[in-house]
């Protein structure tokens, strides 16, 4: 009986280590950007017209052993010097590796019957005790993109103001 329990625990550890091998949350929501500026090599930081700063890294810098996600960008959005959102962005890849990763990490969701996984476009939302997580598969100008968007459930007022500014600007572009 003891050997069986040890085997089960070892199996679960090995199985879960694949998902845990990519901890892209190297910063905590609400944390200042200065902590990330110290990375080596330094990340690309792009300020935007709405008062945010996006810190962009290739996933290879954080998840060196998760080759199935290579080609994915991690975007840490800071508003008023606080981390408010983490996005993983994967464009024009002939796979759904970000979907597979999201399902491994946050839980499966049902896809429509009869549509090949690589052709499916849509979204799914999970909520944990402290985070809102949304997976999106969508068409873009030159192909398709997968997005995994993670934010704190308790939005700060500065992040809400930021989102309102972005929304107003998007509405004005129609």
Foldseek 3Di string as FASTA:
>chain_A
DVVVVVVVVVVVVVVLCLLVLQDVPPDDFFAFCVVQCPDVVGFDWDADPLQKIWTKDQSCVRRVPNVLRGQWIWIFIDHPRGGFKIKIKHPDDQDVSVLVSCCSVQNDDDDDPPAPPSRDFDKDWDDDPFKIWMWGWAADDVGIMIMIMIGTPPGDVRVVSSVVVVVVVVVVVD
